[in-house]
Amino acid sequence: MTRIVGFLVAVAGLNRIRTRTMFGILEVQDVVIGVLTIAGGIAAVFAGTRLSRFGRRHTTRLVKDAGALDPQSYILYLRPFDLDDELYRIKPVPALNPIRRMHTPYSRTFEEHMVWHLRLRLGPVVAVGRPDERLPLSGARRFYLPLDDWKPTVSNAIRKARLVVLATGTGEGTLWEFTEVVRLMPPERLLVTVFTDEPEYDRFRSAAEAAFAARAAGLQGEEARRLTAFRWPAYPPLKKPDAITRVVGARGYIVFGPDWTPEFVRVDPTAVRALTLAGRNHAMMRRQVNPLMRRIKRGLAQAPAPGVTAPAPPPHAPDVAPGGAE
């Protein structure tokens, strides 16, 4: 309502200036009143957007008991908690289709946008809530962990998930989650989301390889071999490295074949053509992200059943050449 009223007020201010100009009776006070009215209306629109975003946090559904979730009934979204603040400020491009735009609020955050697409194609999404947050963020359904012994709950949630979506990070908890997912899950049930640039990704890759080696030292058998042989792909370059680009949100995704062969699918704005930023984002979604989602869906249908151990990667696998972005 605040956004609607603000829009009408801004139109009224513009109409005041336009009407008095047409009839030749425009005065300085009319310009001042009109400009102030337009500015107040625009401010109300932005305030309404923020209120809408904040209001949806009050209606976010919580998972009271993560252990009661049905196996293979949900997607588990794990990420560094610091990423929440960054993604909360990002506003994705609205849908071009007017019918679909009615279901995608202008105030939607990037997490809501991501969760909406995952739920539409693959299933509902749950995530671990930030321990110190007063209100959960809107998007994935949150469940909260005990502060002193959180790893068993997360491990159990990973084991029962249909798909695990992991965002890269160098924190101790995030690296443990990566080792746990590779230890427990078949490769088709893992999707890694990269929100960082190449230098930060390289720091993550080095930290993850060290964490995998340290974890493998305490394991035996297939799990130890899987962690020891695991390799991360290189960060692929843009199709046109010299072009001026602006990527909002995810920079790329890493998916894995049945033998743990990784592929880094880059979100590359230089690989598509469009006249506007919105058109470019929709072209990237259509040509780069949507095929990836279809591939993940096929992989989930062919993945081993829960409890079946996936094979380890080939020993001492070299860095994998980055895959194409399209």
C-alpha atoms as a PDB file:
ATOM      1  CA  MET A   1       0.000   0.000   0.000  1.00  0.00           C
ATOM      2  CA  THR A   2       2.850   2.375   0.747  1.00  0.00           C
ATOM      3  CA  ARG A   3       4.308   1.743  -2.696  1.00  0.00           C
ATOM      4  CA  ILE A   4       0.941   2.236  -4.411  1.00  0.00           C
ATOM      5  CA  VAL A   5       0.218   5.476  -2.548  1.00  0.00           C
ATOM      6  CA  GLY A   6       3.758   6.714  -3.232  1.00  0.00           C
ATOM      7  CA  PHE A   7       3.379   6.001  -6.941  1.00  0.00           C
ATOM      8  CA  LEU A   8       0.062   7.879  -7.089  1.00  0.00           C
ATOM      9  CA  VAL A   9       1.532  10.833  -5.185  1.00  0.00           C
ATOM     10  CA  ALA A  10       4.501  11.014  -7.575  1.00  0.00           C
ATOM     11  CA  VAL A  11       2.154  10.921 -10.574  1.00  0.00           C
ATOM     12  CA  ALA A  12       0.034  13.668  -9.018  1.00  0.00           C
ATOM     13  CA  GLY A  13       3.107  15.879  -8.575  1.00  0.00           C
ATOM     14  CA  LEU A  14       4.177  15.309 -12.162  1.00  0.00           C
ATOM     15  CA  ASN A  15       0.666  15.956 -13.406  1.00  0.00           C
ATOM     16  CA  ARG A  16       0.489  19.278 -11.490  1.00  0.00           C
ATOM     17  CA  ILE A  17       3.585  20.595 -13.253  1.00  0.00           C
ATOM     18  CA  ARG A  18       2.482  19.254 -16.646  1.00  0.00           C
ATOM     19  CA  THR A  19      -1.071  20.613 -16.448  1.00  0.00           C
ATOM     20  CA  ARG A  20      -0.073  24.125 -15.360  1.00  0.00           C
ATOM     21  CA  THR A  21       2.591  24.216 -18.055  1.00  0.00           C
ATOM     22  CA  MET A  22       0.018  23.316 -20.732  1.00  0.00           C
ATOM     23  CA  PHE A  23      -2.290  26.139 -19.640  1.00  0.00           C
ATOM     24  CA  GLY A  24       0.538  28.653 -19.229  1.00  0.00           C
ATOM     25  CA  ILE A  25      -0.080  29.293 -15.540  1.00  0.00           C
ATOM     26  CA  LEU A  26       3.001  27.619 -14.125  1.00  0.00           C
ATOM     27  CA  GLU A  27       4.585  29.514 -11.251  1.00  0.00           C
ATOM     28  CA  VAL A  28       7.651  28.926  -9.110  1.00  0.00           C
ATOM     29  CA  GLN A  29       5.603  27.647  -6.203  1.00  0.00           C
ATOM     30  CA  ASP A  30       3.933  25.090  -8.495  1.00  0.00           C
ATOM     31  CA  VAL A  31       7.338  23.754  -9.527  1.00  0.00           C
ATOM     32  CA  VAL A  32       8.472  23.558  -5.908  1.00  0.00           C
ATOM     33  CA  ILE A  33       5.290  21.782  -4.794  1.00  0.00           C
ATOM     34  CA  GLY A  34       5.407  19.433  -7.774  1.00  0.00           C
ATOM     35  CA  VAL A  35       9.055  18.481  -7.265  1.00  0.00           C
ATOM     36  CA  LEU A  36       8.550  17.919  -3.530  1.00  0.00           C
ATOM     37  CA  THR A  37       5.479  15.786  -4.242  1.00  0.00           C
ATOM     38  CA  ILE A  38       7.369  13.687  -6.788  1.00  0.00           C
ATOM     39  CA  ALA A  39      10.319  13.252  -4.404  1.00  0.00           C
ATOM     40  CA  GLY A  40       7.990  12.277  -1.549  1.00  0.00           C
ATOM     41  CA  GLY A  41       6.199   9.753  -3.742  1.00  0.00           C
ATOM     42  CA  ILE A  42       9.467   8.166  -4.879  1.00  0.00           C
ATOM     43  CA  ALA A  43      10.681   8.007  -1.269  1.00  0.00           C
ATOM     44  CA  ALA A  44       7.429   6.277  -0.302  1.00  0.00           C
ATOM     45  CA  VAL A  45       7.907   3.707  -3.084  1.00  0.00           C
ATOM     46  CA  PHE A  46      11.393   2.847  -1.829  1.00  0.00           C
ATOM     47  CA  ALA A  47      10.207   2.793   1.787  1.00  0.00           C
ATOM     48  CA  GLY A  48       7.372   0.457   0.810  1.00  0.00           C
ATOM     49  CA  THR A  49       9.840  -1.872  -0.877  1.00  0.00           C
ATOM     50  CA  ARG A  50      11.939  -2.076   2.279  1.00  0.00           C
ATOM     51  CA  LEU A  51       8.858  -2.569   4.450  1.00  0.00           C
ATOM     52  CA  SER A  52       7.622  -5.353   2.170  1.00  0.00           C
ATOM     53  CA  ARG A  53      10.976  -7.103   2.351  1.00  0.00           C
ATOM     54  CA  PHE A  54      11.121  -6.761   6.125  1.00  0.00           C
ATOM     55  CA  GLY A  55       7.498  -7.811   6.546  1.00  0.00           C
ATOM     56  CA  ARG A  56       8.073 -11.112   4.742  1.00  0.00           C
ATOM     57  CA  ARG A  57      10.655 -11.990   7.375  1.00  0.00           C
ATOM     58  CA  HIS A  58       7.821 -12.145   9.920  1.00  0.00           C
ATOM     59  CA  THR A  59       6.023 -14.767   7.828  1.00  0.00           C
ATOM     60  CA  THR A  60       9.009 -17.028   7.125  1.00  0.00           C
ATOM     61  CA  ARG A  61       8.149 -20.604   8.066  1.00  0.00           C
ATOM     62  CA  LEU A  62      10.498 -22.394  10.447  1.00  0.00           C
ATOM     63  CA  VAL A  63      11.414 -26.057  10.737  1.00  0.00           C
ATOM     64  CA  LYS A  64      10.939 -26.954  14.390  1.00  0.00           C
ATOM     65  CA  ASP A  65      12.796 -30.273  14.207  1.00  0.00           C
ATOM     66  CA  ALA A  66      15.319 -30.871  11.431  1.00  0.00           C
ATOM     67  CA  GLY A  67      15.491 -34.539  12.390  1.00  0.00           C
ATOM     68  CA  ALA A  68      11.799 -34.942  11.491  1.00  0.00           C
ATOM     69  CA  LEU A  69      12.315 -33.938   7.852  1.00  0.00           C
ATOM     70  CA  ASP A  70      11.469 -36.738   5.442  1.00  0.00           C
ATOM     71  CA  PRO A  71      14.440 -38.138   3.496  1.00  0.00           C
ATOM     72  CA  GLN A  72      14.786 -36.898  -0.084  1.00  0.00           C
ATOM     73  CA  SER A  73      11.979 -34.375   0.453  1.00  0.00           C
ATOM     74  CA  TYR A  74      14.032 -31.164   0.585  1.00  0.00           C
ATOM     75  CA  ILE A  75      17.035 -29.260  -0.717  1.00  0.00           C
ATOM     76  CA  LEU A  76      19.564 -28.241   1.933  1.00  0.00           C
ATOM     77  CA  TYR A  77      21.123 -24.795   1.430  1.00  0.00           C
ATOM     78  CA  LEU A  78      24.385 -24.242   3.328  1.00  0.00           C
ATOM     79  CA  ARG A  79      26.446 -21.057   3.153  1.00  0.00           C
ATOM     80  CA  PRO A  80      28.721 -18.801   5.236  1.00  0.00           C
ATOM     81  CA  PHE A  81      26.443 -16.710   7.437  1.00  0.00           C
ATOM     82  CA  ASP A  82      28.241 -13.531   6.350  1.00  0.00           C
ATOM     83  CA  LEU A  83      26.847 -14.122   2.871  1.00  0.00           C
ATOM     84  CA  ASP A  84      23.300 -13.516   4.140  1.00  0.00           C
ATOM     85  CA  ASP A  85      23.852  -9.778   4.571  1.00  0.00           C
ATOM     86  CA  GLU A  86      25.282  -9.447   1.068  1.00  0.00           C
ATOM     87  CA  LEU A  87      22.500 -11.379  -0.650  1.00  0.00           C
ATOM     88  CA  TYR A  88      19.805  -9.570   1.343  1.00  0.00           C
ATOM     89  CA  ARG A  89      20.819  -6.290  -0.305  1.00  0.00           C
ATOM     90  CA  ILE A  90      20.795  -7.691  -3.849  1.00  0.00           C
ATOM     91  CA  LYS A  91      17.614  -7.186  -5.842  1.00  0.00           C
ATOM     92  CA  PRO A  92      17.306  -9.579  -8.790  1.00  0.00           C
ATOM     93  CA  VAL A  93      15.910  -8.503 -12.143  1.00  0.00           C
ATOM     94  CA  PRO A  94      12.096  -8.963 -12.258  1.00  0.00           C
ATOM     95  CA  ALA A  95      10.525 -11.406 -14.684  1.00  0.00           C
ATOM     96  CA  LEU A  96       9.644 -10.221 -18.199  1.00  0.00           C
ATOM     97  CA  ASN A  97       6.398 -12.173 -18.275  1.00  0.00           C
ATOM     98  CA  PRO A  98       3.679  -9.964 -16.652  1.00  0.00           C
ATOM     99  CA  ILE A  99       1.876 -12.991 -15.194  1.00  0.00           C
ATOM    100  CA  ARG A 100       5.070 -14.322 -13.619  1.00  0.00           C
ATOM    101  CA  ARG A 101       5.972 -10.833 -12.391  1.00  0.00           C
ATOM    102  CA  MET A 102       2.825 -10.855 -10.230  1.00  0.00           C
ATOM    103  CA  HIS A 103       4.360 -13.805  -8.333  1.00  0.00           C
ATOM    104  CA  THR A 104       7.827 -12.231  -8.084  1.00  0.00           C
ATOM    105  CA  PRO A 105       7.688  -9.110  -5.854  1.00  0.00           C
ATOM    106  CA  TYR A 106       9.861  -6.153  -6.783  1.00  0.00           C
ATOM    107  CA  SER A 107      11.318  -6.272  -3.276  1.00  0.00           C
ATOM    108  CA  ARG A 108      12.420  -9.912  -3.562  1.00  0.00           C
ATOM    109  CA  THR A 109      15.951 -10.647  -2.341  1.00  0.00           C
ATOM    110  CA  PHE A 110      18.463 -12.773  -4.198  1.00  0.00           C
ATOM    111  CA  GLU A 111      17.932 -15.678  -1.804  1.00  0.00           C
ATOM    112  CA  GLU A 112      14.173 -15.545  -2.394  1.00  0.00           C
ATOM    113  CA  HIS A 113      14.824 -15.479  -6.133  1.00  0.00           C
ATOM    114  CA  MET A 114      17.167 -18.478  -5.913  1.00  0.00           C
ATOM    115  CA  VAL A 115      14.872 -20.449  -3.612  1.00  0.00           C
ATOM    116  CA  TRP A 116      11.873 -19.775  -5.855  1.00  0.00           C
ATOM    117  CA  HIS A 117      13.673 -21.236  -8.885  1.00  0.00           C
ATOM    118  CA  LEU A 118      14.967 -24.233  -6.928  1.00  0.00           C
ATOM    119  CA  ARG A 119      11.541 -24.969  -5.457  1.00  0.00           C
ATOM    120  CA  LEU A 120       9.902 -24.631  -8.880  1.00  0.00           C
ATOM    121  CA  ARG A 121      12.293 -27.117 -10.508  1.00  0.00           C
ATOM    122  CA  LEU A 122      13.658 -29.382  -7.777  1.00  0.00           C
ATOM    123  CA  GLY A 123      11.788 -29.082  -4.483  1.00  0.00           C
ATOM    124  CA  PRO A 124      11.448 -27.083  -1.217  1.00  0.00           C
ATOM    125  CA  VAL A 125      14.564 -25.541   0.317  1.00  0.00           C
ATOM    126  CA  VAL A 126      15.619 -25.496   3.979  1.00  0.00           C
ATOM    127  CA  ALA A 127      18.643 -23.803   5.520  1.00  0.00           C
ATOM    128  CA  VAL A 128      20.417 -23.435   8.849  1.00  0.00           C
ATOM    129  CA  GLY A 129      19.374 -20.229  10.576  1.00  0.00           C
ATOM    130  CA  ARG A 130      21.926 -17.726  11.781  1.00  0.00           C
ATOM    131  CA  PRO A 131      22.323 -18.172  15.560  1.00  0.00           C
ATOM    132  CA  ASP A 132      22.173 -14.473  16.466  1.00  0.00           C
ATOM    133  CA  GLU A 133      19.382 -13.318  14.125  1.00  0.00           C
ATOM    134  CA  ARG A 134      16.250 -11.869  15.725  1.00  0.00           C
ATOM    135  CA  LEU A 135      14.175 -12.608  12.622  1.00  0.00           C
ATOM    136  CA  PRO A 136      14.883 -15.253   9.976  1.00  0.00           C
ATOM    137  CA  LEU A 137      15.540 -14.005   6.464  1.00  0.00           C
ATOM    138  CA  SER A 138      12.859 -14.696   3.889  1.00  0.00           C
ATOM    139  CA  GLY A 139      13.593 -17.414   1.373  1.00  0.00           C
ATOM    140  CA  ALA A 140      14.535 -20.882   2.571  1.00  0.00           C
ATOM    141  CA  ARG A 141      12.790 -22.303   5.629  1.00  0.00           C
ATOM    142  CA  ARG A 142      15.143 -22.049   8.616  1.00  0.00           C
ATOM    143  CA  PHE A 143      15.999 -24.486  11.359  1.00  0.00           C
ATOM    144  CA  TYR A 144      18.326 -23.671  14.241  1.00  0.00           C
ATOM    145  CA  LEU A 145      21.181 -25.646  15.733  1.00  0.00           C
ATOM    146  CA  PRO A 146      22.466 -26.142  19.265  1.00  0.00           C
ATOM    147  CA  LEU A 147      25.543 -23.992  19.781  1.00  0.00           C
ATOM    148  CA  ASP A 148      27.646 -26.648  21.490  1.00  0.00           C
ATOM    149  CA  ASP A 149      27.012 -29.725  19.318  1.00  0.00           C
ATOM    150  CA  TRP A 150      25.718 -28.683  15.896  1.00  0.00           C
ATOM    151  CA  LYS A 151      27.647 -31.046  13.628  1.00  0.00           C
ATOM    152  CA  PRO A 152      25.512 -34.203  14.139  1.00  0.00           C
ATOM    153  CA  THR A 153      22.343 -32.290  13.201  1.00  0.00           C
ATOM    154  CA  VAL A 154      23.919 -30.883  10.044  1.00  0.00           C
ATOM    155  CA  SER A 155      25.413 -34.253   9.135  1.00  0.00           C
ATOM    156  CA  ASN A 156      22.013 -35.913   9.471  1.00  0.00           C
ATOM    157  CA  ALA A 157      20.369 -33.173   7.383  1.00  0.00           C
ATOM    158  CA  ILE A 158      23.009 -33.622   4.675  1.00  0.00           C
ATOM    159  CA  ARG A 159      22.531 -37.382   4.608  1.00  0.00           C
ATOM    160  CA  LYS A 160      18.754 -37.090   4.110  1.00  0.00           C
ATOM    161  CA  ALA A 161      18.725 -34.205   1.606  1.00  0.00           C
ATOM    162  CA  ARG A 162      17.725 -34.683  -1.990  1.00  0.00           C
ATOM    163  CA  LEU A 163      20.254 -32.045  -3.052  1.00  0.00           C
ATOM    164  CA  VAL A 164      22.792 -29.980  -1.128  1.00  0.00           C
ATOM    165  CA  VAL A 165      23.507 -26.452  -2.358  1.00  0.00           C
ATOM    166  CA  LEU A 166      26.756 -25.153  -0.867  1.00  0.00           C
ATOM    167  CA  ALA A 167      28.164 -21.635  -1.176  1.00  0.00           C
ATOM    168  CA  THR A 168      31.951 -21.319  -1.114  1.00  0.00           C
ATOM    169  CA  GLY A 169      33.696 -19.824   1.911  1.00  0.00           C
ATOM    170  CA  THR A 170      36.858 -20.199   3.953  1.00  0.00           C
ATOM    171  CA  GLY A 171      35.304 -20.377   7.422  1.00  0.00           C
ATOM    172  CA  GLU A 172      35.990 -23.455   9.540  1.00  0.00           C
ATOM    173  CA  GLY A 173      32.319 -24.451   9.667  1.00  0.00           C
ATOM    174  CA  THR A 174      31.848 -24.029   5.920  1.00  0.00           C
ATOM    175  CA  LEU A 175      34.918 -26.141   5.117  1.00  0.00           C
ATOM    176  CA  TRP A 176      33.695 -28.863   7.473  1.00  0.00           C
ATOM    177  CA  GLU A 177      30.349 -28.869   5.653  1.00  0.00           C
ATOM    178  CA  PHE A 178      32.137 -29.343   2.340  1.00  0.00           C
ATOM    179  CA  THR A 179      34.113 -32.313   3.614  1.00  0.00           C
ATOM    180  CA  GLU A 180      30.971 -33.803   5.134  1.00  0.00           C
ATOM    181  CA  VAL A 181      28.975 -33.482   1.912  1.00  0.00           C
ATOM    182  CA  VAL A 182      31.724 -35.094  -0.183  1.00  0.00           C
ATOM    183  CA  ARG A 183      32.097 -37.824   2.428  1.00  0.00           C
ATOM    184  CA  LEU A 184      28.388 -38.676   2.583  1.00  0.00           C
ATOM    185  CA  MET A 185      26.709 -37.715  -0.683  1.00  0.00           C
ATOM    186  CA  PRO A 186      26.833 -39.031  -4.249  1.00  0.00           C
ATOM    187  CA  PRO A 187      28.247 -36.402  -6.623  1.00  0.00           C
ATOM    188  CA  GLU A 188      24.966 -35.842  -8.464  1.00  0.00           C
ATOM    189  CA  ARG A 189      23.421 -34.499  -5.251  1.00  0.00           C
ATOM    190  CA  LEU A 190      25.865 -31.626  -4.794  1.00  0.00           C
ATOM    191  CA  LEU A 191      25.686 -28.137  -6.300  1.00  0.00           C
ATOM    192  CA  VAL A 192      28.360 -25.594  -5.369  1.00  0.00           C
ATOM    193  CA  THR A 193      27.506 -21.905  -5.792  1.00  0.00           C
ATOM    194  CA  VAL A 194      30.351 -19.412  -6.274  1.00  0.00           C
ATOM    195  CA  PHE A 195      29.598 -15.804  -5.310  1.00  0.00           C
ATOM    196  CA  THR A 196      33.210 -14.591  -5.297  1.00  0.00           C
ATOM    197  CA  ASP A 197      35.776 -13.414  -7.825  1.00  0.00           C
ATOM    198  CA  GLU A 198      38.733 -15.510  -8.956  1.00  0.00           C
ATOM    199  CA  PRO A 199      41.283 -14.524  -6.245  1.00  0.00           C
ATOM    200  CA  GLU A 200      38.785 -15.263  -3.470  1.00  0.00           C
ATOM    201  CA  TYR A 201      37.818 -18.542  -5.116  1.00  0.00           C
ATOM    202  CA  ASP A 202      41.476 -19.555  -5.299  1.00  0.00           C
ATOM    203  CA  ARG A 203      41.816 -18.871  -1.563  1.00  0.00           C
ATOM    204  CA  PHE A 204      38.775 -21.047  -0.954  1.00  0.00           C
ATOM    205  CA  ARG A 205      40.158 -23.818  -3.160  1.00  0.00           C
ATOM    206  CA  SER A 206      43.459 -23.859  -1.269  1.00  0.00           C
ATOM    207  CA  ALA A 207      41.701 -23.862   2.103  1.00  0.00           C
ATOM    208  CA  ALA A 208      39.302 -26.608   0.991  1.00  0.00           C
ATOM    209  CA  GLU A 209      42.098 -28.855  -0.274  1.00  0.00           C
ATOM    210  CA  ALA A 210      43.901 -28.491   3.067  1.00  0.00           C
ATOM    211  CA  ALA A 211      40.674 -29.235   4.965  1.00  0.00           C
ATOM    212  CA  PHE A 212      40.016 -32.308   2.811  1.00  0.00           C
ATOM    213  CA  ALA A 213      43.526 -33.626   3.409  1.00  0.00           C
ATOM    214  CA  ALA A 214      43.263 -33.096   7.169  1.00  0.00           C
ATOM    215  CA  ARG A 215      39.861 -34.789   7.328  1.00  0.00           C
ATOM    216  CA  ALA A 216      41.031 -37.724   5.192  1.00  0.00           C
ATOM    217  CA  ALA A 217      43.871 -38.382   7.639  1.00  0.00           C
ATOM    218  CA  GLY A 218      41.309 -39.392  10.267  1.00  0.00           C
ATOM    219  CA  LEU A 219      39.254 -41.630   7.972  1.00  0.00           C
ATOM    220  CA  GLN A 220      39.773 -44.974   6.289  1.00  0.00           C
ATOM    221  CA  GLY A 221      38.563 -46.792   3.218  1.00  0.00           C
ATOM    222  CA  GLU A 222      36.404 -45.255   0.497  1.00  0.00           C
ATOM    223  CA  GLU A 223      35.676 -42.023   2.393  1.00  0.00           C
ATOM    224  CA  ALA A 224      39.375 -41.275   2.868  1.00  0.00           C
ATOM    225  CA  ARG A 225      40.140 -42.045  -0.800  1.00  0.00           C
ATOM    226  CA  ARG A 226      37.309 -39.790  -1.940  1.00  0.00           C
ATOM    227  CA  LEU A 227      38.535 -36.809   0.071  1.00  0.00           C
ATOM    228  CA  THR A 228      42.163 -37.365  -0.872  1.00  0.00           C
ATOM    229  CA  ALA A 229      41.477 -37.579  -4.605  1.00  0.00           C
ATOM    230  CA  PHE A 230      38.976 -34.700  -4.735  1.00  0.00           C
ATOM    231  CA  ARG A 231      40.032 -31.750  -6.929  1.00  0.00           C
ATOM    232  CA  TRP A 232      38.417 -28.377  -7.550  1.00  0.00           C
ATOM    233  CA  PRO A 233      38.127 -26.959 -11.092  1.00  0.00           C
ATOM    234  CA  ALA A 234      39.882 -23.772 -12.140  1.00  0.00           C
ATOM    235  CA  TYR A 235      37.965 -20.501 -12.345  1.00  0.00           C
ATOM    236  CA  PRO A 236      36.956 -20.138 -16.012  1.00  0.00           C
ATOM    237  CA  PRO A 237      37.628 -16.841 -17.799  1.00  0.00           C
ATOM    238  CA  LEU A 238      34.962 -14.713 -19.400  1.00  0.00           C
ATOM    239  CA  LYS A 239      34.321 -15.182 -23.089  1.00  0.00           C
ATOM    240  CA  LYS A 240      35.330 -11.530 -23.596  1.00  0.00           C
ATOM    241  CA  PRO A 241      37.688 -10.692 -20.716  1.00  0.00           C
ATOM    242  CA  ASP A 242      38.137  -7.056 -21.785  1.00  0.00           C
ATOM    243  CA  ALA A 243      34.424  -6.267 -21.766  1.00  0.00           C
ATOM    244  CA  ILE A 244      32.949  -4.195 -18.934  1.00  0.00           C
ATOM    245  CA  THR A 245      30.673  -6.516 -16.991  1.00  0.00           C
ATOM    246  CA  ARG A 246      28.481  -6.476 -13.918  1.00  0.00           C
ATOM    247  CA  VAL A 247      27.327  -9.779 -12.424  1.00  0.00           C
ATOM    248  CA  VAL A 248      24.786  -9.608  -9.605  1.00  0.00           C
ATOM    249  CA  GLY A 249      24.701 -12.584  -7.254  1.00  0.00           C
ATOM    250  CA  ALA A 250      26.231 -15.895  -8.285  1.00  0.00           C
ATOM    251  CA  ARG A 251      29.332 -15.811 -10.488  1.00  0.00           C
ATOM    252  CA  GLY A 252      29.096 -19.502 -11.345  1.00  0.00           C
ATOM    253  CA  TYR A 253      28.135 -23.019 -10.317  1.00  0.00           C
ATOM    254  CA  ILE A 254      30.114 -26.233  -9.922  1.00  0.00           C
ATOM    255  CA  VAL A 255      28.458 -29.557 -10.698  1.00  0.00           C
ATOM    256  CA  PHE A 256      29.902 -33.066 -10.652  1.00  0.00           C
ATOM    257  CA  GLY A 257      29.679 -36.126 -12.841  1.00  0.00           C
ATOM    258  CA  PRO A 258      29.101 -39.670 -11.531  1.00  0.00           C
ATOM    259  CA  ASP A 259      32.870 -40.126 -11.048  1.00  0.00           C
ATOM    260  CA  TRP A 260      33.228 -36.745  -9.245  1.00  0.00           C
ATOM    261  CA  THR A 261      34.578 -35.004 -12.347  1.00  0.00           C
ATOM    262  CA  PRO A 262      33.807 -31.308 -11.683  1.00  0.00           C
ATOM    263  CA  GLU A 263      32.600 -28.678 -14.131  1.00  0.00           C
ATOM    264  CA  PHE A 264      32.564 -24.953 -13.384  1.00  0.00           C
ATOM    265  CA  VAL A 265      29.633 -23.348 -15.224  1.00  0.00           C
ATOM    266  CA  ARG A 266      30.390 -19.636 -15.375  1.00  0.00           C
ATOM    267  CA  VAL A 267      27.621 -17.033 -15.314  1.00  0.00           C
ATOM    268  CA  ASP A 268      29.070 -14.994 -18.163  1.00  0.00           C
ATOM    269  CA  PRO A 269      27.356 -11.751 -19.271  1.00  0.00           C
ATOM    270  CA  THR A 270      29.844 -11.384 -22.148  1.00  0.00           C
ATOM    271  CA  ALA A 271      28.630 -14.631 -23.735  1.00  0.00           C
ATOM    272  CA  VAL A 272      25.125 -13.280 -24.445  1.00  0.00           C
ATOM    273  CA  ARG A 273      23.805 -10.284 -26.351  1.00  0.00           C
ATOM    274  CA  ALA A 274      21.071  -7.945 -25.172  1.00  0.00           C
ATOM    275  CA  LEU A 275      20.221  -4.267 -25.348  1.00  0.00           C
ATOM    276  CA  THR A 276      19.512  -3.826 -21.630  1.00  0.00           C
ATOM    277  CA  LEU A 277      20.828  -5.148 -18.327  1.00  0.00           C
ATOM    278  CA  ALA A 278      17.503  -6.877 -17.685  1.00  0.00           C
ATOM    279  CA  GLY A 279      17.603  -8.525 -21.107  1.00  0.00           C
ATOM    280  CA  ARG A 280      21.168  -9.713 -20.496  1.00  0.00           C
ATOM    281  CA  ASN A 281      20.249 -11.224 -17.142  1.00  0.00           C
ATOM    282  CA  HIS A 282      17.294 -13.054 -18.632  1.00  0.00           C
ATOM    283  CA  ALA A 283      19.461 -14.311 -21.496  1.00  0.00           C
ATOM    284  CA  MET A 284      22.020 -15.659 -19.004  1.00  0.00           C
ATOM    285  CA  MET A 285      19.235 -17.375 -17.074  1.00  0.00           C
ATOM    286  CA  ARG A 286      17.822 -18.924 -20.232  1.00  0.00           C
ATOM    287  CA  ARG A 287      21.100 -20.026 -21.849  1.00  0.00           C
ATOM    288  CA  GLN A 288      23.378 -20.728 -18.879  1.00  0.00           C
ATOM    289  CA  VAL A 289      21.405 -21.386 -15.677  1.00  0.00           C
ATOM    290  CA  ASN A 290      18.288 -23.170 -16.949  1.00  0.00           C
ATOM    291  CA  PRO A 291      20.270 -25.885 -18.819  1.00  0.00           C
ATOM    292  CA  LEU A 292      22.249 -26.422 -15.618  1.00  0.00           C
ATOM    293  CA  MET A 293      19.039 -26.912 -13.631  1.00  0.00           C
ATOM    294  CA  ARG A 294      17.793 -29.441 -16.160  1.00  0.00           C
ATOM    295  CA  ARG A 295      21.103 -31.291 -15.916  1.00  0.00           C
ATOM    296  CA  ILE A 296      20.871 -31.398 -12.112  1.00  0.00           C
ATOM    297  CA  LYS A 297      17.322 -32.727 -12.324  1.00  0.00           C
ATOM    298  CA  ARG A 298      18.432 -35.540 -14.641  1.00  0.00           C
ATOM    299  CA  GLY A 299      21.358 -36.294 -12.336  1.00  0.00           C
ATOM    300  CA  LEU A 300      19.082 -36.569  -9.309  1.00  0.00           C
ATOM    301  CA  ALA A 301      16.938 -39.113 -11.144  1.00  0.00           C
ATOM    302  CA  GLN A 302      20.033 -41.214 -11.872  1.00  0.00           C
ATOM    303  CA  ALA A 303      21.837 -40.714  -8.543  1.00  0.00           C
ATOM    304  CA  PRO A 304      22.396 -43.691  -6.205  1.00  0.00           C
ATOM    305  CA  ALA A 305      19.778 -44.272  -3.546  1.00  0.00           C
ATOM    306  CA  PRO A 306      20.424 -42.884  -0.039  1.00  0.00           C
ATOM    307  CA  GLY A 307      23.014 -44.920   1.817  1.00  0.00           C
ATOM    308  CA  VAL A 308      24.737 -46.167  -1.343  1.00  0.00           C
ATOM    309  CA  THR A 309      28.392 -45.150  -1.371  1.00  0.00           C
ATOM    310  CA  ALA A 310      29.503 -43.267  -4.463  1.00  0.00           C
ATOM    311  CA  PRO A 311      32.885 -44.096  -6.002  1.00  0.00           C
ATOM    312  CA  ALA A 312      35.928 -41.984  -5.263  1.00  0.00           C
ATOM    313  CA  PRO A 313      37.397 -39.786  -7.996  1.00  0.00           C
ATOM    314  CA  PRO A 314      40.384 -41.131  -9.942  1.00  0.00           C
ATOM    315  CA  PRO A 315      43.523 -40.790  -7.789  1.00  0.00           C
ATOM    316  CA  HIS A 316      45.607 -37.661  -8.220  1.00  0.00           C
ATOM    317  CA  ALA A 317      43.188 -36.139 -10.699  1.00  0.00           C
ATOM    318  CA  PRO A 318      44.661 -33.002 -12.312  1.00  0.00           C
ATOM    319  CA  ASP A 319      42.903 -29.653 -12.409  1.00  0.00           C
ATOM    320  CA  VAL A 320      39.923 -29.904 -14.679  1.00  0.00           C
ATOM    321  CA  ALA A 321      39.809 -27.506 -17.595  1.00  0.00           C
ATOM    322  CA  PRO A 322      36.880 -25.115 -17.119  1.00  0.00           C
ATOM    323  CA  GLY A 323      33.749 -25.991 -19.023  1.00  0.00           C
ATOM    324  CA  GLY A 324      31.889 -23.697 -21.380  1.00  0.00           C
ATOM    325  CA  ALA A 325      29.553 -21.106 -19.902  1.00  0.00           C
ATOM    326  CA  GLU A 326      26.665 -21.860 -22.165  1.00  0.00           C
END
